[in-house]
Amino acid sequence: MLEYIVECYPDEELLVPCGLDDAVIGIDENSMRLIYSVSKCIEILMKDMDREKAVDFFEFNVCGGYVGERTPIWCDDDF
């Protein structure tokens, strides 16, 4: 998905968190912010740690930080 978005918007500066490319599920065209699946982010992080640590790491180090107006959108899709 990320490759497709980059191809569609070659002139945009997209903020791409390291290692989470496979968790991209879309883009908000109004703000040009990438949209990430929280459940996919957790799955990716669980390759290196257990679920509890992955959730803590994600909440504190990934979605917990504001990095400007292009900060990604985190879609909580784990119903």
Protein backbone atom coordinates (compact mmCIF):
# COMPACT_ATOMS: atom_id res chain seq x y z
CA MET A 1 0.00 0.00 0.00
CA LEU A 2 2.79 2.43 0.91
CA GLU A 3 4.49 2.01 -2.47
CA TYR A 4 1.20 2.73 -4.24
CA ILE A 5 0.60 5.87 -2.17
CA VAL A 6 4.14 7.12 -2.82
CA GLU A 7 3.61 6.57 -6.57
CA CYS A 8 0.30 8.46 -6.48
CA TYR A 9 1.74 11.42 -4.56
CA PRO A 10 5.37 11.71 -5.69
CA ASP A 11 5.68 15.38 -4.71
CA GLU A 12 4.40 14.93 -1.14
CA GLU A 13 6.65 14.62 1.90
CA LEU A 14 5.11 11.72 3.76
CA LEU A 15 6.13 10.84 7.30
CA VAL A 16 6.94 7.13 7.38
CA PRO A 17 7.81 5.55 10.76
CA CYS A 18 10.69 3.10 10.42
CA GLY A 19 9.72 -0.55 10.13
CA LEU A 20 5.96 -0.11 9.90
CA ASP A 21 5.53 0.08 6.12
CA ASP A 22 3.30 -3.01 6.03
CA ALA A 23 0.86 -1.40 8.48
CA VAL A 24 -0.12 1.44 6.11
CA ILE A 25 -3.80 1.18 5.18
CA GLY A 26 -4.37 4.50 3.44
CA ILE A 27 -3.88 8.24 3.31
CA ASP A 28 -5.97 11.21 4.38
CA GLU A 29 -5.93 13.34 1.24
CA ASN A 30 -6.97 16.49 3.11
CA SER A 31 -3.95 16.52 5.41
CA MET A 32 -1.68 14.18 3.39
CA ARG A 33 -1.13 12.07 6.49
CA LEU A 34 -0.59 8.34 6.22
CA ILE A 35 -3.09 6.10 8.02
CA TYR A 36 -1.73 3.10 9.91
CA SER A 37 -3.53 0.05 11.28
CA VAL A 38 -2.79 -0.18 15.00
CA SER A 39 -3.34 -3.96 14.99
CA LYS A 40 -0.87 -4.39 12.12
CA CYS A 41 1.67 -2.19 13.91
CA ILE A 42 1.35 -4.38 17.01
CA GLU A 43 1.77 -7.53 14.89
CA ILE A 44 4.95 -6.13 13.35
CA LEU A 45 6.36 -5.19 16.75
CA MET A 46 5.52 -8.66 18.11
CA LYS A 47 8.19 -10.11 15.82
CA ASP A 48 10.71 -8.82 18.37
CA MET A 49 8.76 -8.80 21.66
CA ASP A 50 5.70 -10.24 23.37
CA ARG A 51 2.26 -8.64 22.95
CA GLU A 52 2.31 -6.67 26.20
CA LYS A 53 5.70 -5.13 25.45
CA ALA A 54 4.67 -4.46 21.84
CA VAL A 55 1.53 -2.60 22.96
CA ASP A 56 3.49 -0.59 25.54
CA PHE A 57 6.20 0.24 23.02
CA PHE A 58 3.64 1.27 20.41
CA GLU A 59 1.66 3.47 22.79
CA PHE A 60 4.69 5.22 24.27
CA ASN A 61 7.21 5.37 21.41
CA VAL A 62 5.14 5.28 18.24
CA CYS A 63 1.68 6.79 18.55
CA GLY A 64 2.45 8.72 21.72
CA GLY A 65 4.63 11.26 19.97
CA TYR A 66 3.67 14.29 17.92
CA VAL A 67 6.14 14.92 15.11
CA GLY A 68 4.49 17.81 13.34
CA GLU A 69 1.50 18.33 11.13
CA ARG A 70 2.32 15.20 9.12
CA THR A 71 2.12 12.93 12.18
CA PRO A 72 0.46 9.71 10.97
CA ILE A 73 -3.11 8.81 11.81
CA TRP A 74 -3.38 5.67 13.95
CA CYS A 75 -6.52 3.69 13.14
CA ASP A 76 -7.56 1.54 16.11
CA ASP A 77 -8.96 -1.38 14.14
CA ASP A 78 -8.74 -4.11 16.78
CA PHE A 79 -12.40 -4.60 17.64
